[in-house]
Amino acid sequence: MKFWDQAFDIAGYKYGTQPNAFLREQAHRLPAHGQVLVPGDGEGRNGVWLATQGHTVLSVDGSAVGLAKARALAQQQGVPLATEQADLAAWAPAPGSYDAVVLTYVHFPSAQRAAIHQRLQQALRPGGWLLLEAFHPLQLQHTSGGPKDPDMLYTLEQLRGDFAGRMHETLGWEGPLTLDEGPGHQGPAHVVRWLGQAL
């Protein structure tokens, strides 16, 4: 996790302190005072915002530097935030223990992606929500962030395959938008968004 420790070891927040726009747009679907898991939460912008909305949040990340900044942000906002340092490629949450899982820009190699997504999905209670936003292969045309390896980028078809038979899709979309998420995500981008409920 040395890469992310170095990436987050800056003054300020690499991806800002405001939540992801798709999360903000869809958060009304979550049950009040829900248990929310935020894997790959980095510096905590999404987890802390969810905590300010009254949810009980666990932010998980591989970067100790990122999680320290997440706790500092939570303290600044006056909200509790549980954190856990873990390698998501090997980590497994307790099954059926969350009302929502929020994955924004958490990218895995294709050989690992489906298995990790299914492990995270299994953390949901029936009816629980999984919200995901990630970079699409067409993001390689842009300079607004994301992995430079096409194997780490996601299509809507791949995500539908990962969750088939486990989730009911509420929203699936891929296309262009403009990012404004701290210095790390700025400008034109091509992303995929997926929202579903556990069966």
C-alpha atoms as a PDB file:
ATOM      1  CA  MET A   1       0.000   0.000   0.000  1.00  0.00           C
ATOM      2  CA  LYS A   2       3.069   2.219  -0.269  1.00  0.00           C
ATOM      3  CA  PHE A   3       1.692   3.813  -3.460  1.00  0.00           C
ATOM      4  CA  TRP A   4      -1.404   5.124  -1.690  1.00  0.00           C
ATOM      5  CA  ASP A   5       0.501   6.166   1.433  1.00  0.00           C
ATOM      6  CA  GLN A   6       2.650   8.367  -0.813  1.00  0.00           C
ATOM      7  CA  ALA A   7      -0.350   9.600  -2.809  1.00  0.00           C
ATOM      8  CA  PHE A   8      -2.191  10.691   0.341  1.00  0.00           C
ATOM      9  CA  ASP A   9       0.881  12.171   2.051  1.00  0.00           C
ATOM     10  CA  ILE A  10       0.134  15.698   0.822  1.00  0.00           C
ATOM     11  CA  ALA A  11      -1.163  18.914   2.319  1.00  0.00           C
ATOM     12  CA  GLY A  12      -4.932  18.857   1.959  1.00  0.00           C
ATOM     13  CA  TYR A  13      -7.010  16.022   0.530  1.00  0.00           C
ATOM     14  CA  LYS A  14      -6.136  14.418  -2.811  1.00  0.00           C
ATOM     15  CA  TYR A  15      -9.787  13.834  -3.748  1.00  0.00           C
ATOM     16  CA  GLY A  16     -11.245  16.660  -1.686  1.00  0.00           C
ATOM     17  CA  THR A  17     -13.466  16.455   1.372  1.00  0.00           C
ATOM     18  CA  GLN A  18     -16.845  16.461  -0.382  1.00  0.00           C
ATOM     19  CA  PRO A  19     -18.622  13.187  -1.149  1.00  0.00           C
ATOM     20  CA  ASN A  20     -18.772  11.600  -4.566  1.00  0.00           C
ATOM     21  CA  ALA A  21     -21.554  13.196  -6.644  1.00  0.00           C
ATOM     22  CA  PHE A  22     -23.248   9.875  -7.481  1.00  0.00           C
ATOM     23  CA  LEU A  23     -23.305   8.944  -3.792  1.00  0.00           C
ATOM     24  CA  ARG A  24     -24.823  12.284  -2.849  1.00  0.00           C
ATOM     25  CA  GLU A  25     -27.440  11.875  -5.594  1.00  0.00           C
ATOM     26  CA  GLN A  26     -28.473   8.362  -4.515  1.00  0.00           C
ATOM     27  CA  ALA A  27     -28.024   8.503  -0.733  1.00  0.00           C
ATOM     28  CA  HIS A  28     -31.745   9.119  -0.171  1.00  0.00           C
ATOM     29  CA  ARG A  29     -32.294   5.415  -0.916  1.00  0.00           C
ATOM     30  CA  LEU A  30     -30.370   4.297   2.152  1.00  0.00           C
ATOM     31  CA  PRO A  31     -32.354   3.486   5.294  1.00  0.00           C
ATOM     32  CA  ALA A  32     -32.102   6.062   8.061  1.00  0.00           C
ATOM     33  CA  HIS A  33     -29.292   5.338  10.535  1.00  0.00           C
ATOM     34  CA  GLY A  34     -28.013   2.496   8.387  1.00  0.00           C
ATOM     35  CA  GLN A  35     -24.869   0.426   8.763  1.00  0.00           C
ATOM     36  CA  VAL A  36     -22.660   1.403   5.811  1.00  0.00           C
ATOM     37  CA  LEU A  37     -19.414  -0.172   4.619  1.00  0.00           C
ATOM     38  CA  VAL A  38     -17.059   2.008   2.555  1.00  0.00           C
ATOM     39  CA  PRO A  39     -14.201  -0.121   1.167  1.00  0.00           C
ATOM     40  CA  GLY A  40     -11.326   1.817  -0.363  1.00  0.00           C
ATOM     41  CA  ASP A  41     -12.441   5.014   1.384  1.00  0.00           C
ATOM     42  CA  GLY A  42      -8.972   6.577   1.184  1.00  0.00           C
ATOM     43  CA  GLU A  43      -8.963   9.894   3.020  1.00  0.00           C
ATOM     44  CA  GLY A  44     -12.567   9.411   4.126  1.00  0.00           C
ATOM     45  CA  ARG A  45     -14.582  11.894   2.107  1.00  0.00           C
ATOM     46  CA  ASN A  46     -17.461   9.464   1.501  1.00  0.00           C
ATOM     47  CA  GLY A  47     -17.411   7.725   4.862  1.00  0.00           C
ATOM     48  CA  VAL A  48     -17.330  10.962   6.826  1.00  0.00           C
ATOM     49  CA  TRP A  49     -20.152  12.466   4.767  1.00  0.00           C
ATOM     50  CA  LEU A  50     -22.275   9.360   5.332  1.00  0.00           C
ATOM     51  CA  ALA A  51     -21.585   9.679   9.069  1.00  0.00           C
ATOM     52  CA  THR A  52     -22.818  13.285   8.976  1.00  0.00           C
ATOM     53  CA  GLN A  53     -26.060  11.926   7.473  1.00  0.00           C
ATOM     54  CA  GLY A  54     -26.579   9.776  10.583  1.00  0.00           C
ATOM     55  CA  HIS A  55     -25.206   6.455   9.352  1.00  0.00           C
ATOM     56  CA  THR A  56     -22.848   4.167  11.251  1.00  0.00           C
ATOM     57  CA  VAL A  57     -19.850   3.805   8.960  1.00  0.00           C
ATOM     58  CA  LEU A  58     -16.847   1.518   8.642  1.00  0.00           C
ATOM     59  CA  SER A  59     -14.179   2.939   6.326  1.00  0.00           C
ATOM     60  CA  VAL A  60     -11.697   0.303   5.140  1.00  0.00           C
ATOM     61  CA  ASP A  61      -8.509   1.093   3.251  1.00  0.00           C
ATOM     62  CA  GLY A  62      -5.022  -0.252   2.742  1.00  0.00           C
ATOM     63  CA  SER A  63      -3.393   3.102   3.439  1.00  0.00           C
ATOM     64  CA  ALA A  64      -2.636   4.046   7.037  1.00  0.00           C
ATOM     65  CA  VAL A  65      -1.974   7.621   5.860  1.00  0.00           C
ATOM     66  CA  GLY A  66      -5.387   7.820   4.188  1.00  0.00           C
ATOM     67  CA  LEU A  67      -7.206   6.437   7.218  1.00  0.00           C
ATOM     68  CA  ALA A  68      -5.454   8.849   9.573  1.00  0.00           C
ATOM     69  CA  LYS A  69      -6.705  11.709   7.402  1.00  0.00           C
ATOM     70  CA  ALA A  70     -10.184  10.145   7.394  1.00  0.00           C
ATOM     71  CA  ARG A  71     -10.231  10.105  11.205  1.00  0.00           C
ATOM     72  CA  ALA A  72      -9.006  13.709  11.283  1.00  0.00           C
ATOM     73  CA  LEU A  73     -11.790  14.726   8.885  1.00  0.00           C
ATOM     74  CA  ALA A  74     -14.375  12.928  11.006  1.00  0.00           C
ATOM     75  CA  GLN A  75     -13.123  14.685  14.126  1.00  0.00           C
ATOM     76  CA  GLN A  76     -13.290  18.025  12.308  1.00  0.00           C
ATOM     77  CA  GLN A  77     -16.896  17.267  11.287  1.00  0.00           C
ATOM     78  CA  GLY A  78     -17.760  16.070  14.797  1.00  0.00           C
ATOM     79  CA  VAL A  79     -18.898  12.585  13.757  1.00  0.00           C
ATOM     80  CA  PRO A  80     -17.799   9.071  14.755  1.00  0.00           C
ATOM     81  CA  LEU A  81     -16.028   6.999  12.102  1.00  0.00           C
ATOM     82  CA  ALA A  82     -14.767   3.449  12.508  1.00  0.00           C
ATOM     83  CA  THR A  83     -11.727   2.592  10.375  1.00  0.00           C
ATOM     84  CA  GLU A  84      -9.913  -0.615   9.502  1.00  0.00           C
ATOM     85  CA  GLN A  85      -6.666  -1.008   7.599  1.00  0.00           C
ATOM     86  CA  ALA A  86      -6.859  -3.995   5.263  1.00  0.00           C
ATOM     87  CA  ASP A  87      -5.921  -5.255   1.830  1.00  0.00           C
ATOM     88  CA  LEU A  88      -9.270  -5.497   0.045  1.00  0.00           C
ATOM     89  CA  ALA A  89      -7.928  -8.263  -2.200  1.00  0.00           C
ATOM     90  CA  ALA A  90      -7.860 -10.546   0.846  1.00  0.00           C
ATOM     91  CA  TRP A  91     -10.279  -8.917   3.317  1.00  0.00           C
ATOM     92  CA  ALA A  92     -13.793 -10.258   3.854  1.00  0.00           C
ATOM     93  CA  PRO A  93     -16.518  -8.407   5.777  1.00  0.00           C
ATOM     94  CA  ALA A  94     -19.006 -10.266   7.938  1.00  0.00           C
ATOM     95  CA  PRO A  95     -21.843 -11.553   5.712  1.00  0.00           C
ATOM     96  CA  GLY A  96     -25.242  -9.917   6.019  1.00  0.00           C
ATOM     97  CA  SER A  97     -24.076  -7.140   8.328  1.00  0.00           C
ATOM     98  CA  TYR A  98     -24.551  -3.941   6.287  1.00  0.00           C
ATOM     99  CA  ASP A  99     -27.384  -1.911   4.786  1.00  0.00           C
ATOM    100  CA  ALA A 100     -25.137  -0.441   2.091  1.00  0.00           C
ATOM    101  CA  VAL A 101     -21.726  -0.840   0.477  1.00  0.00           C
ATOM    102  CA  VAL A 102     -20.251   2.218  -1.243  1.00  0.00           C
ATOM    103  CA  LEU A 103     -17.450   1.688  -3.790  1.00  0.00           C
ATOM    104  CA  THR A 104     -16.144   4.768  -5.554  1.00  0.00           C
ATOM    105  CA  TYR A 105     -13.049   4.473  -7.755  1.00  0.00           C
ATOM    106  CA  VAL A 106     -11.899   1.219  -6.183  1.00  0.00           C
ATOM    107  CA  HIS A 107     -10.204  -0.687  -8.993  1.00  0.00           C
ATOM    108  CA  PHE A 108      -9.021  -4.310  -9.069  1.00  0.00           C
ATOM    109  CA  PRO A 109      -7.340  -6.404 -11.779  1.00  0.00           C
ATOM    110  CA  SER A 110      -9.805  -8.437 -13.854  1.00  0.00           C
ATOM    111  CA  ALA A 111      -8.538 -11.695 -12.340  1.00  0.00           C
ATOM    112  CA  GLN A 112      -9.625 -10.518  -8.860  1.00  0.00           C
ATOM    113  CA  ARG A 113     -12.485  -8.114  -9.554  1.00  0.00           C
ATOM    114  CA  ALA A 114     -15.523 -10.422  -9.639  1.00  0.00           C
ATOM    115  CA  ALA A 115     -14.508 -12.396  -6.528  1.00  0.00           C
ATOM    116  CA  ILE A 116     -13.869  -9.228  -4.511  1.00  0.00           C
ATOM    117  CA  HIS A 117     -17.120  -7.632  -5.652  1.00  0.00           C
ATOM    118  CA  GLN A 118     -19.043 -10.756  -4.682  1.00  0.00           C
ATOM    119  CA  ARG A 119     -17.395 -10.869  -1.231  1.00  0.00           C
ATOM    120  CA  LEU A 120     -18.359  -7.253  -0.650  1.00  0.00           C
ATOM    121  CA  GLN A 121     -21.889  -7.844  -1.929  1.00  0.00           C
ATOM    122  CA  GLN A 122     -22.295 -10.711   0.544  1.00  0.00           C
ATOM    123  CA  ALA A 123     -21.825  -8.185   3.354  1.00  0.00           C
ATOM    124  CA  LEU A 124     -25.271  -6.816   2.522  1.00  0.00           C
ATOM    125  CA  ARG A 125     -28.510  -7.698   4.223  1.00  0.00           C
ATOM    126  CA  PRO A 126     -31.397  -8.582   1.866  1.00  0.00           C
ATOM    127  CA  GLY A 127     -32.535  -5.341   0.264  1.00  0.00           C
ATOM    128  CA  GLY A 128     -29.221  -3.670   1.052  1.00  0.00           C
ATOM    129  CA  TRP A 129     -27.768  -1.277  -1.494  1.00  0.00           C
ATOM    130  CA  LEU A 130     -24.512  -1.457  -3.404  1.00  0.00           C
ATOM    131  CA  LEU A 131     -23.393   1.764  -5.078  1.00  0.00           C
ATOM    132  CA  LEU A 132     -20.396   1.775  -7.384  1.00  0.00           C
ATOM    133  CA  GLU A 133     -18.698   4.373  -9.549  1.00  0.00           C
ATOM    134  CA  ALA A 134     -15.461   3.584 -11.389  1.00  0.00           C
ATOM    135  CA  PHE A 135     -13.481   4.510 -14.454  1.00  0.00           C
ATOM    136  CA  HIS A 136     -14.377   2.983 -17.829  1.00  0.00           C
ATOM    137  CA  PRO A 137     -11.718   1.873 -20.374  1.00  0.00           C
ATOM    138  CA  LEU A 138     -12.429   5.061 -22.354  1.00  0.00           C
ATOM    139  CA  GLN A 139     -10.996   6.967 -19.367  1.00  0.00           C
ATOM    140  CA  LEU A 140      -7.579   6.248 -20.888  1.00  0.00           C
ATOM    141  CA  GLN A 141      -8.327   9.139 -23.279  1.00  0.00           C
ATOM    142  CA  HIS A 142      -8.515  11.545 -20.332  1.00  0.00           C
ATOM    143  CA  THR A 143      -6.120  12.936 -17.713  1.00  0.00           C
ATOM    144  CA  SER A 144      -8.619  13.311 -14.850  1.00  0.00           C
ATOM    145  CA  GLY A 145      -7.407  10.301 -12.869  1.00  0.00           C
ATOM    146  CA  GLY A 146      -7.627   6.537 -12.677  1.00  0.00           C
ATOM    147  CA  PRO A 147      -5.436   3.540 -13.451  1.00  0.00           C
ATOM    148  CA  LYS A 148      -3.485   3.595 -16.706  1.00  0.00           C
ATOM    149  CA  ASP A 149      -3.836  -0.183 -17.078  1.00  0.00           C
ATOM    150  CA  PRO A 150      -6.954  -1.098 -19.127  1.00  0.00           C
ATOM    151  CA  ASP A 151      -7.228  -4.354 -17.144  1.00  0.00           C
ATOM    152  CA  MET A 152      -8.088  -2.260 -14.058  1.00  0.00           C
ATOM    153  CA  LEU A 153     -10.952  -0.366 -15.741  1.00  0.00           C
ATOM    154  CA  TYR A 154     -14.598  -1.464 -15.761  1.00  0.00           C
ATOM    155  CA  THR A 155     -17.445  -1.685 -18.240  1.00  0.00           C
ATOM    156  CA  LEU A 156     -21.123  -1.846 -17.346  1.00  0.00           C
ATOM    157  CA  GLU A 157     -21.307  -5.337 -18.862  1.00  0.00           C
ATOM    158  CA  GLN A 158     -18.535  -6.556 -16.526  1.00  0.00           C
ATOM    159  CA  LEU A 159     -20.246  -5.132 -13.446  1.00  0.00           C
ATOM    160  CA  ARG A 160     -23.561  -6.677 -14.428  1.00  0.00           C
ATOM    161  CA  GLY A 161     -21.772 -10.015 -14.711  1.00  0.00           C
ATOM    162  CA  ASP A 162     -20.168  -9.611 -11.276  1.00  0.00           C
ATOM    163  CA  PHE A 163     -23.518  -9.111  -9.552  1.00  0.00           C
ATOM    164  CA  ALA A 164     -25.794 -11.265 -11.732  1.00  0.00           C
ATOM    165  CA  GLY A 165     -28.114 -13.444  -9.680  1.00  0.00           C
ATOM    166  CA  ARG A 166     -27.126 -11.672  -6.458  1.00  0.00           C
ATOM    167  CA  MET A 167     -28.429  -8.140  -6.950  1.00  0.00           C
ATOM    168  CA  HIS A 168     -31.391  -6.416  -8.576  1.00  0.00           C
ATOM    169  CA  GLU A 169     -30.078  -3.593 -10.759  1.00  0.00           C
ATOM    170  CA  THR A 170     -31.727  -0.230 -10.117  1.00  0.00           C
ATOM    171  CA  LEU A 171     -29.378   1.859 -12.237  1.00  0.00           C
ATOM    172  CA  GLY A 172     -26.632   1.027 -14.726  1.00  0.00           C
ATOM    173  CA  TRP A 173     -24.898   3.683 -16.808  1.00  0.00           C
ATOM    174  CA  GLU A 174     -21.603   4.363 -18.542  1.00  0.00           C
ATOM    175  CA  GLY A 175     -20.631   7.597 -20.217  1.00  0.00           C
ATOM    176  CA  PRO A 176     -18.854  10.938 -20.039  1.00  0.00           C
ATOM    177  CA  LEU A 177     -18.995  13.466 -17.209  1.00  0.00           C
ATOM    178  CA  THR A 178     -16.850  16.189 -15.661  1.00  0.00           C
ATOM    179  CA  LEU A 179     -15.165  15.437 -12.361  1.00  0.00           C
ATOM    180  CA  ASP A 180     -14.503  17.991  -9.630  1.00  0.00           C
ATOM    181  CA  GLU A 181     -13.188  15.928  -6.718  1.00  0.00           C
ATOM    182  CA  GLY A 182     -10.085  17.530  -5.257  1.00  0.00           C
ATOM    183  CA  PRO A 183      -6.827  17.785  -7.219  1.00  0.00           C
ATOM    184  CA  GLY A 184      -6.852  14.042  -7.985  1.00  0.00           C
ATOM    185  CA  HIS A 185     -10.043  13.968 -10.072  1.00  0.00           C
ATOM    186  CA  GLN A 186     -10.480  17.062 -12.217  1.00  0.00           C
ATOM    187  CA  GLY A 187     -11.922  17.503 -15.682  1.00  0.00           C
ATOM    188  CA  PRO A 188     -13.566  15.383 -18.392  1.00  0.00           C
ATOM    189  CA  ALA A 189     -13.874  11.683 -17.574  1.00  0.00           C
ATOM    190  CA  HIS A 190     -15.567   8.488 -18.749  1.00  0.00           C
ATOM    191  CA  VAL A 191     -17.091   6.438 -15.949  1.00  0.00           C
ATOM    192  CA  VAL A 192     -19.434   3.596 -15.144  1.00  0.00           C
ATOM    193  CA  ARG A 193     -22.113   3.841 -12.456  1.00  0.00           C
ATOM    194  CA  TRP A 194     -24.025   0.933 -10.966  1.00  0.00           C
ATOM    195  CA  LEU A 195     -26.634   0.751  -8.228  1.00  0.00           C
ATOM    196  CA  GLY A 196     -28.426  -2.368  -7.053  1.00  0.00           C
ATOM    197  CA  GLN A 197     -30.200  -4.086  -4.183  1.00  0.00           C
ATOM    198  CA  ALA A 198     -29.245  -7.426  -2.668  1.00  0.00           C
ATOM    199  CA  LEU A 199     -31.740 -10.223  -3.303  1.00  0.00           C
END
